[in-house]
């Protein structure tokens, strides 16, 4: 999911996902046999926002670079301007005889950086997820940049190419070189083109198989906690 950047710039993205089980505010929260719940306003009666198995921060930080992770899903008092260092610590929970106890708890809420172009979203019946895009007017001389994608146009549903869209069976094409030129006037009066910038279209395969600058895989799954039995889950970012 993404938000328009034509009129307003993104200042941050607040995301909250549902961990399943009883929802925030439910009478079943913390009852033996049920996992504990969060205390959020955004997920009250809609989602469980308490994260039992958090992404580890030590010895390797697997969190989203630059994101602020919140103890409460509403992220009250948190700001992306404070940086990732203002994040709260991961949850530390154990379950015994159906009762879960936590020395520290983290919610499923976080604030992503303004330069995050889109959020991946996967929904299941009975679960609710939330994405809130922070927006502000562009400063004078500022703009949303140039974005787009290259597709293998195997089908042309419209005669006018201006109206063309990517149909669901048309794949994107990776590693295509895109050049940006500035028009000018040559000494002989003809039009000239000056290369301003160049880039290549991204590759999905490069992302999951690649590594960050700190040698951490771009995609990873810390696995299930050995101490949470049936409520274990694999959390990915």
C-alpha atoms as a PDB file:
ATOM      1  CA  UNK A   1       0.000   0.000   0.000  1.00  0.00           C
ATOM      2  CA  UNK A   2       1.217   3.487  -0.753  1.00  0.00           C
ATOM      3  CA  UNK A   3      -0.004   7.059  -0.468  1.00  0.00           C
ATOM      4  CA  UNK A   4       0.037   9.772  -3.108  1.00  0.00           C
ATOM      5  CA  UNK A   5       3.098  12.056  -3.054  1.00  0.00           C
ATOM      6  CA  UNK A   6       1.893  14.458  -5.742  1.00  0.00           C
ATOM      7  CA  UNK A   7       0.436  17.082  -3.407  1.00  0.00           C
ATOM      8  CA  UNK A   8       1.824  16.194   0.019  1.00  0.00           C
ATOM      9  CA  UNK A   9       5.025  14.614   1.293  1.00  0.00           C
ATOM     10  CA  UNK A  10       5.160  11.722   3.747  1.00  0.00           C
ATOM     11  CA  UNK A  11       6.394  12.600   7.246  1.00  0.00           C
ATOM     12  CA  UNK A  12       6.196   9.084   8.678  1.00  0.00           C
ATOM     13  CA  UNK A  13       4.038   5.952   8.581  1.00  0.00           C
ATOM     14  CA  UNK A  14       2.391   4.482  11.681  1.00  0.00           C
ATOM     15  CA  UNK A  15       1.709   0.759  11.276  1.00  0.00           C
ATOM     16  CA  UNK A  16       0.000  -1.706  13.625  1.00  0.00           C
ATOM     17  CA  UNK A  17      -0.638  -5.382  12.974  1.00  0.00           C
ATOM     18  CA  UNK A  18      -2.886  -7.915  14.709  1.00  0.00           C
ATOM     19  CA  UNK A  19      -1.123 -10.766  16.535  1.00  0.00           C
ATOM     20  CA  UNK A  20      -4.338 -12.770  16.841  1.00  0.00           C
ATOM     21  CA  UNK A  21      -6.185 -14.056  19.873  1.00  0.00           C
ATOM     22  CA  UNK A  22      -8.341 -11.858  22.129  1.00  0.00           C
ATOM     23  CA  UNK A  23      -8.488  -8.217  21.070  1.00  0.00           C
ATOM     24  CA  UNK A  24      -7.364  -5.250  23.143  1.00  0.00           C
ATOM     25  CA  UNK A  25      -9.986  -4.516  25.782  1.00  0.00           C
ATOM     26  CA  UNK A  26     -11.413  -8.050  25.727  1.00  0.00           C
ATOM     27  CA  UNK A  27     -12.387  -9.774  28.980  1.00  0.00           C
ATOM     28  CA  UNK A  28     -10.338 -12.783  27.821  1.00  0.00           C
ATOM     29  CA  UNK A  29      -7.050 -10.881  27.883  1.00  0.00           C
ATOM     30  CA  UNK A  30      -4.611 -12.595  30.233  1.00  0.00           C
ATOM     31  CA  UNK A  31      -7.064 -15.336  31.238  1.00  0.00           C
ATOM     32  CA  UNK A  32      -5.240 -18.715  31.612  1.00  0.00           C
ATOM     33  CA  UNK A  33      -5.126 -20.346  28.216  1.00  0.00           C
ATOM     34  CA  UNK A  34      -5.274 -17.032  26.359  1.00  0.00           C
ATOM     35  CA  UNK A  35      -2.396 -14.707  25.485  1.00  0.00           C
ATOM     36  CA  UNK A  36      -2.226 -11.221  27.020  1.00  0.00           C
ATOM     37  CA  UNK A  37      -3.410  -8.206  25.041  1.00  0.00           C
ATOM     38  CA  UNK A  38      -2.312  -4.660  24.404  1.00  0.00           C
ATOM     39  CA  UNK A  39      -4.022  -1.581  25.792  1.00  0.00           C
ATOM     40  CA  UNK A  40      -4.204   0.487  22.631  1.00  0.00           C
ATOM     41  CA  UNK A  41      -6.925   2.823  21.476  1.00  0.00           C
ATOM     42  CA  UNK A  42      -6.399   2.085  17.782  1.00  0.00           C
ATOM     43  CA  UNK A  43      -6.858  -1.659  18.251  1.00  0.00           C
ATOM     44  CA  UNK A  44      -9.459  -1.670  21.034  1.00  0.00           C
ATOM     45  CA  UNK A  45     -12.088  -4.314  20.269  1.00  0.00           C
ATOM     46  CA  UNK A  46     -10.447  -4.795  16.859  1.00  0.00           C
ATOM     47  CA  UNK A  47      -6.978  -6.317  17.255  1.00  0.00           C
ATOM     48  CA  UNK A  48      -4.478  -7.736  19.726  1.00  0.00           C
ATOM     49  CA  UNK A  49      -1.519  -5.364  19.616  1.00  0.00           C
ATOM     50  CA  UNK A  50       0.791  -7.031  22.142  1.00  0.00           C
ATOM     51  CA  UNK A  51       3.773  -8.698  20.500  1.00  0.00           C
ATOM     52  CA  UNK A  52       4.897 -11.811  22.359  1.00  0.00           C
ATOM     53  CA  UNK A  53       7.784 -12.682  20.027  1.00  0.00           C
ATOM     54  CA  UNK A  54       9.666  -9.568  18.939  1.00  0.00           C
ATOM     55  CA  UNK A  55      12.450  -9.209  16.431  1.00  0.00           C
ATOM     56  CA  UNK A  56      15.748  -9.385  18.321  1.00  0.00           C
ATOM     57  CA  UNK A  57      18.014  -6.362  18.662  1.00  0.00           C
ATOM     58  CA  UNK A  58      21.011  -8.232  20.038  1.00  0.00           C
ATOM     59  CA  UNK A  59      23.405  -9.621  18.974  1.00  0.00           C
ATOM     60  CA  UNK A  60      22.013  -8.672  15.558  1.00  0.00           C
ATOM     61  CA  UNK A  61      19.449  -5.945  15.050  1.00  0.00           C
ATOM     62  CA  UNK A  62      16.773  -7.317  12.720  1.00  0.00           C
ATOM     63  CA  UNK A  63      14.457  -4.316  13.005  1.00  0.00           C
ATOM     64  CA  UNK A  64      13.483  -2.102  10.082  1.00  0.00           C
ATOM     65  CA  UNK A  65      16.319   0.438   9.690  1.00  0.00           C
ATOM     66  CA  UNK A  66      15.338   3.862  11.019  1.00  0.00           C
ATOM     67  CA  UNK A  67      11.928   2.776  12.365  1.00  0.00           C
ATOM     68  CA  UNK A  68      10.727   3.643  15.879  1.00  0.00           C
ATOM     69  CA  UNK A  69       9.254   0.658  17.761  1.00  0.00           C
ATOM     70  CA  UNK A  70       6.649   1.445  20.421  1.00  0.00           C
ATOM     71  CA  UNK A  71       5.701  -0.093  23.756  1.00  0.00           C
ATOM     72  CA  UNK A  72       2.107   0.970  23.119  1.00  0.00           C
ATOM     73  CA  UNK A  73       0.577   0.465  19.678  1.00  0.00           C
ATOM     74  CA  UNK A  74      -0.722   4.041  19.571  1.00  0.00           C
ATOM     75  CA  UNK A  75       2.928   5.194  19.729  1.00  0.00           C
ATOM     76  CA  UNK A  76       1.858   8.052  22.008  1.00  0.00           C
ATOM     77  CA  UNK A  77       4.727  10.435  22.673  1.00  0.00           C
ATOM     78  CA  UNK A  78       6.851   8.837  19.942  1.00  0.00           C
ATOM     79  CA  UNK A  79       8.149  10.614  16.845  1.00  0.00           C
ATOM     80  CA  UNK A  80      10.172   9.501  13.857  1.00  0.00           C
ATOM     81  CA  UNK A  81      12.170  12.685  14.388  1.00  0.00           C
ATOM     82  CA  UNK A  82      13.624  11.125  17.545  1.00  0.00           C
ATOM     83  CA  UNK A  83      15.186   8.342  15.503  1.00  0.00           C
ATOM     84  CA  UNK A  84      15.400   4.585  15.945  1.00  0.00           C
ATOM     85  CA  UNK A  85      17.334   5.060  19.188  1.00  0.00           C
ATOM     86  CA  UNK A  86      14.105   6.126  20.894  1.00  0.00           C
ATOM     87  CA  UNK A  87      12.549   2.688  20.291  1.00  0.00           C
ATOM     88  CA  UNK A  88      11.351   0.599  23.198  1.00  0.00           C
ATOM     89  CA  UNK A  89      12.986  -2.791  23.966  1.00  0.00           C
ATOM     90  CA  UNK A  90      11.598  -6.084  22.586  1.00  0.00           C
ATOM     91  CA  UNK A  91       9.126  -8.226  24.483  1.00  0.00           C
ATOM     92  CA  UNK A  92      10.521 -10.859  26.813  1.00  0.00           C
ATOM     93  CA  UNK A  93       7.749 -13.361  27.539  1.00  0.00           C
ATOM     94  CA  UNK A  94       7.467 -16.960  28.700  1.00  0.00           C
ATOM     95  CA  UNK A  95       4.457 -19.264  28.939  1.00  0.00           C
ATOM     96  CA  UNK A  96       3.978 -22.003  31.509  1.00  0.00           C
ATOM     97  CA  UNK A  97       0.793 -24.011  32.184  1.00  0.00           C
ATOM     98  CA  UNK A  98      -1.147 -21.724  29.878  1.00  0.00           C
ATOM     99  CA  UNK A  99      -0.122 -18.551  31.700  1.00  0.00           C
ATOM    100  CA  UNK A 100       2.074 -16.010  29.926  1.00  0.00           C
ATOM    101  CA  UNK A 101       4.300 -13.655  31.895  1.00  0.00           C
ATOM    102  CA  UNK A 102       6.406 -10.861  30.419  1.00  0.00           C
ATOM    103  CA  UNK A 103       9.242  -8.895  31.991  1.00  0.00           C
ATOM    104  CA  UNK A 104       9.037  -6.383  29.131  1.00  0.00           C
ATOM    105  CA  UNK A 105       6.358  -5.966  26.472  1.00  0.00           C
ATOM    106  CA  UNK A 106       6.458  -4.382  23.039  1.00  0.00           C
ATOM    107  CA  UNK A 107       3.451  -3.642  20.884  1.00  0.00           C
ATOM    108  CA  UNK A 108       2.973  -4.302  17.190  1.00  0.00           C
ATOM    109  CA  UNK A 109       3.017  -0.563  16.519  1.00  0.00           C
ATOM    110  CA  UNK A 110       5.937   1.220  14.937  1.00  0.00           C
ATOM    111  CA  UNK A 111       6.647   4.402  12.970  1.00  0.00           C
ATOM    112  CA  UNK A 112       8.461   3.989   9.668  1.00  0.00           C
ATOM    113  CA  UNK A 113      10.655   6.602   8.039  1.00  0.00           C
ATOM    114  CA  UNK A 114       9.295   9.248   5.628  1.00  0.00           C
ATOM    115  CA  UNK A 115      11.298   7.769   2.765  1.00  0.00           C
ATOM    116  CA  UNK A 116       9.478   4.415   3.010  1.00  0.00           C
ATOM    117  CA  UNK A 117       7.732   4.304  -0.402  1.00  0.00           C
ATOM    118  CA  UNK A 118       5.148   1.600   0.367  1.00  0.00           C
ATOM    119  CA  UNK A 119       4.000  -0.846   3.035  1.00  0.00           C
ATOM    120  CA  UNK A 120       3.470  -4.548   2.438  1.00  0.00           C
ATOM    121  CA  UNK A 121       0.094  -5.744   3.699  1.00  0.00           C
ATOM    122  CA  UNK A 122      -1.383  -9.203   4.079  1.00  0.00           C
ATOM    123  CA  UNK A 123      -4.798  -9.689   5.607  1.00  0.00           C
ATOM    124  CA  UNK A 124      -6.570 -12.668   7.089  1.00  0.00           C
ATOM    125  CA  UNK A 125     -10.243 -13.080   7.944  1.00  0.00           C
ATOM    126  CA  UNK A 126     -10.914 -11.801  11.464  1.00  0.00           C
ATOM    127  CA  UNK A 127      -7.662  -9.877  11.782  1.00  0.00           C
ATOM    128  CA  UNK A 128      -7.251  -6.121  11.477  1.00  0.00           C
ATOM    129  CA  UNK A 129      -4.163  -4.146  10.510  1.00  0.00           C
ATOM    130  CA  UNK A 130      -3.716  -0.386  10.508  1.00  0.00           C
ATOM    131  CA  UNK A 131      -1.581   1.953   8.386  1.00  0.00           C
ATOM    132  CA  UNK A 132      -1.629   5.709   8.991  1.00  0.00           C
ATOM    133  CA  UNK A 133       0.316   7.941   6.597  1.00  0.00           C
ATOM    134  CA  UNK A 134       1.561  11.224   8.058  1.00  0.00           C
ATOM    135  CA  UNK A 135       1.412  14.016   5.470  1.00  0.00           C
ATOM    136  CA  UNK A 136       2.549  17.648   5.193  1.00  0.00           C
ATOM    137  CA  UNK A 137       2.733  20.219   2.361  1.00  0.00           C
ATOM    138  CA  UNK A 138       5.924  20.337   0.338  1.00  0.00           C
ATOM    139  CA  UNK A 139       8.320  23.175   1.098  1.00  0.00           C
ATOM    140  CA  UNK A 140       8.917  25.735  -1.678  1.00  0.00           C
ATOM    141  CA  UNK A 141      11.014  24.098  -4.389  1.00  0.00           C
ATOM    142  CA  UNK A 142      10.382  20.605  -2.992  1.00  0.00           C
ATOM    143  CA  UNK A 143       8.577  17.848  -4.901  1.00  0.00           C
ATOM    144  CA  UNK A 144       7.752  14.168  -4.688  1.00  0.00           C
ATOM    145  CA  UNK A 145      10.400  13.074  -7.147  1.00  0.00           C
ATOM    146  CA  UNK A 146       9.963  10.734 -10.092  1.00  0.00           C
ATOM    147  CA  UNK A 147       8.635   7.218  -9.573  1.00  0.00           C
ATOM    148  CA  UNK A 148       7.401   4.520 -11.860  1.00  0.00           C
ATOM    149  CA  UNK A 149       7.877   0.963 -13.018  1.00  0.00           C
ATOM    150  CA  UNK A 150       8.722  -0.921 -16.189  1.00  0.00           C
ATOM    151  CA  UNK A 151       6.380  -3.713 -17.241  1.00  0.00           C
ATOM    152  CA  UNK A 152       6.373  -6.369 -19.926  1.00  0.00           C
ATOM    153  CA  UNK A 153       3.375  -5.046 -21.856  1.00  0.00           C
ATOM    154  CA  UNK A 154       2.134  -8.289 -23.375  1.00  0.00           C
ATOM    155  CA  UNK A 155      -1.405  -6.905 -23.620  1.00  0.00           C
ATOM    156  CA  UNK A 156      -2.621  -3.549 -24.894  1.00  0.00           C
ATOM    157  CA  UNK A 157      -6.140  -3.026 -23.558  1.00  0.00           C
ATOM    158  CA  UNK A 158      -6.358   0.548 -24.900  1.00  0.00           C
ATOM    159  CA  UNK A 159      -5.483   2.040 -28.281  1.00  0.00           C
ATOM    160  CA  UNK A 160      -4.294   5.257 -26.620  1.00  0.00           C
ATOM    161  CA  UNK A 161      -1.031   4.477 -24.746  1.00  0.00           C
ATOM    162  CA  UNK A 162      -1.766   7.313 -22.290  1.00  0.00           C
ATOM    163  CA  UNK A 163      -4.566   5.169 -20.875  1.00  0.00           C
ATOM    164  CA  UNK A 164      -2.493   2.018 -20.470  1.00  0.00           C
ATOM    165  CA  UNK A 165      -2.334   0.297 -17.086  1.00  0.00           C
ATOM    166  CA  UNK A 166      -0.461  -2.729 -15.815  1.00  0.00           C
ATOM    167  CA  UNK A 167      -2.757  -5.733 -16.043  1.00  0.00           C
ATOM    168  CA  UNK A 168      -2.384  -8.367 -13.343  1.00  0.00           C
ATOM    169  CA  UNK A 169      -0.681 -10.916 -15.601  1.00  0.00           C
ATOM    170  CA  UNK A 170       2.009  -8.521 -16.853  1.00  0.00           C
ATOM    171  CA  UNK A 171       5.286  -8.851 -14.912  1.00  0.00           C
ATOM    172  CA  UNK A 172       7.606  -6.050 -13.927  1.00  0.00           C
ATOM    173  CA  UNK A 173      11.040  -6.045 -15.570  1.00  0.00           C
ATOM    174  CA  UNK A 174      14.124  -5.752 -13.321  1.00  0.00           C
ATOM    175  CA  UNK A 175      17.487  -4.138 -14.089  1.00  0.00           C
ATOM    176  CA  UNK A 176      16.244  -1.842 -16.837  1.00  0.00           C
ATOM    177  CA  UNK A 177      18.401   1.287 -17.118  1.00  0.00           C
ATOM    178  CA  UNK A 178      16.400   4.515 -16.864  1.00  0.00           C
ATOM    179  CA  UNK A 179      18.069   7.792 -17.810  1.00  0.00           C
ATOM    180  CA  UNK A 180      16.924  11.313 -16.971  1.00  0.00           C
ATOM    181  CA  UNK A 181      17.942  14.031 -19.432  1.00  0.00           C
ATOM    182  CA  UNK A 182      17.672  17.800 -19.391  1.00  0.00           C
ATOM    183  CA  UNK A 183      16.682  19.436 -22.631  1.00  0.00           C
ATOM    184  CA  UNK A 184      18.829  22.281 -23.848  1.00  0.00           C
ATOM    185  CA  UNK A 185      19.928  24.100 -26.973  1.00  0.00           C
ATOM    186  CA  UNK A 186      23.048  23.078 -28.870  1.00  0.00           C
ATOM    187  CA  UNK A 187      25.418  25.657 -30.456  1.00  0.00           C
ATOM    188  CA  UNK A 188      23.840  24.996 -33.854  1.00  0.00           C
ATOM    189  CA  UNK A 189      20.398  25.762 -32.480  1.00  0.00           C
ATOM    190  CA  UNK A 190      19.173  22.179 -32.343  1.00  0.00           C
ATOM    191  CA  UNK A 191      17.918  20.487 -29.231  1.00  0.00           C
ATOM    192  CA  UNK A 192      20.527  18.963 -26.937  1.00  0.00           C
ATOM    193  CA  UNK A 193      20.165  16.425 -24.142  1.00  0.00           C
ATOM    194  CA  UNK A 194      22.325  16.389 -21.009  1.00  0.00           C
ATOM    195  CA  UNK A 195      22.344  13.310 -18.793  1.00  0.00           C
ATOM    196  CA  UNK A 196      21.211  14.372 -15.309  1.00  0.00           C
ATOM    197  CA  UNK A 197      20.775  11.059 -13.520  1.00  0.00           C
ATOM    198  CA  UNK A 198      20.544   7.326 -14.157  1.00  0.00           C
ATOM    199  CA  UNK A 199      19.193   4.348 -12.262  1.00  0.00           C
ATOM    200  CA  UNK A 200      17.987   0.787 -12.765  1.00  0.00           C
ATOM    201  CA  UNK A 201      14.635  -0.756 -11.971  1.00  0.00           C
ATOM    202  CA  UNK A 202      14.720  -2.786  -8.789  1.00  0.00           C
ATOM    203  CA  UNK A 203      14.604  -6.560  -8.532  1.00  0.00           C
ATOM    204  CA  UNK A 204      12.513  -8.517  -6.043  1.00  0.00           C
ATOM    205  CA  UNK A 205      15.048 -11.364  -6.172  1.00  0.00           C
ATOM    206  CA  UNK A 206      17.861  -8.983  -5.286  1.00  0.00           C
ATOM    207  CA  UNK A 207      15.988  -7.823  -2.188  1.00  0.00           C
ATOM    208  CA  UNK A 208      15.259 -11.086  -0.324  1.00  0.00           C
ATOM    209  CA  UNK A 209      18.593 -12.557  -1.357  1.00  0.00           C
ATOM    210  CA  UNK A 210      20.564  -9.421  -0.522  1.00  0.00           C
ATOM    211  CA  UNK A 211      22.104  -7.934   2.589  1.00  0.00           C
ATOM    212  CA  UNK A 212      22.033  -4.576   4.325  1.00  0.00           C
ATOM    213  CA  UNK A 213      25.193  -2.514   4.750  1.00  0.00           C
ATOM    214  CA  UNK A 214      25.651  -4.087   8.202  1.00  0.00           C
ATOM    215  CA  UNK A 215      25.608  -7.602   6.645  1.00  0.00           C
ATOM    216  CA  UNK A 216      22.122  -8.386   8.004  1.00  0.00           C
ATOM    217  CA  UNK A 217      19.845 -10.096   5.431  1.00  0.00           C
ATOM    218  CA  UNK A 218      17.214  -7.810   3.923  1.00  0.00           C
ATOM    219  CA  UNK A 219      14.572 -10.428   4.762  1.00  0.00           C
ATOM    220  CA  UNK A 220      14.779 -12.675   7.776  1.00  0.00           C
ATOM    221  CA  UNK A 221      12.662 -14.621  10.215  1.00  0.00           C
ATOM    222  CA  UNK A 222      13.920 -15.099  13.782  1.00  0.00           C
ATOM    223  CA  UNK A 223      11.738 -18.192  14.138  1.00  0.00           C
ATOM    224  CA  UNK A 224       9.482 -19.318  16.899  1.00  0.00           C
ATOM    225  CA  UNK A 225      10.183 -18.777  20.555  1.00  0.00           C
ATOM    226  CA  UNK A 226      10.842 -22.035  22.400  1.00  0.00           C
ATOM    227  CA  UNK A 227       9.021 -20.736  25.461  1.00  0.00           C
ATOM    228  CA  UNK A 228       5.584 -19.875  24.029  1.00  0.00           C
ATOM    229  CA  UNK A 229       4.319 -23.267  22.778  1.00  0.00           C
ATOM    230  CA  UNK A 230       1.020 -22.961  20.910  1.00  0.00           C
ATOM    231  CA  UNK A 231       1.079 -19.161  20.778  1.00  0.00           C
ATOM    232  CA  UNK A 232       4.447 -19.096  19.042  1.00  0.00           C
ATOM    233  CA  UNK A 233       4.626 -17.221  15.801  1.00  0.00           C
ATOM    234  CA  UNK A 234       7.234 -16.230  13.298  1.00  0.00           C
ATOM    235  CA  UNK A 235       7.469 -12.452  12.917  1.00  0.00           C
ATOM    236  CA  UNK A 236       9.031 -10.985   9.810  1.00  0.00           C
ATOM    237  CA  UNK A 237       9.819  -7.467   8.770  1.00  0.00           C
END
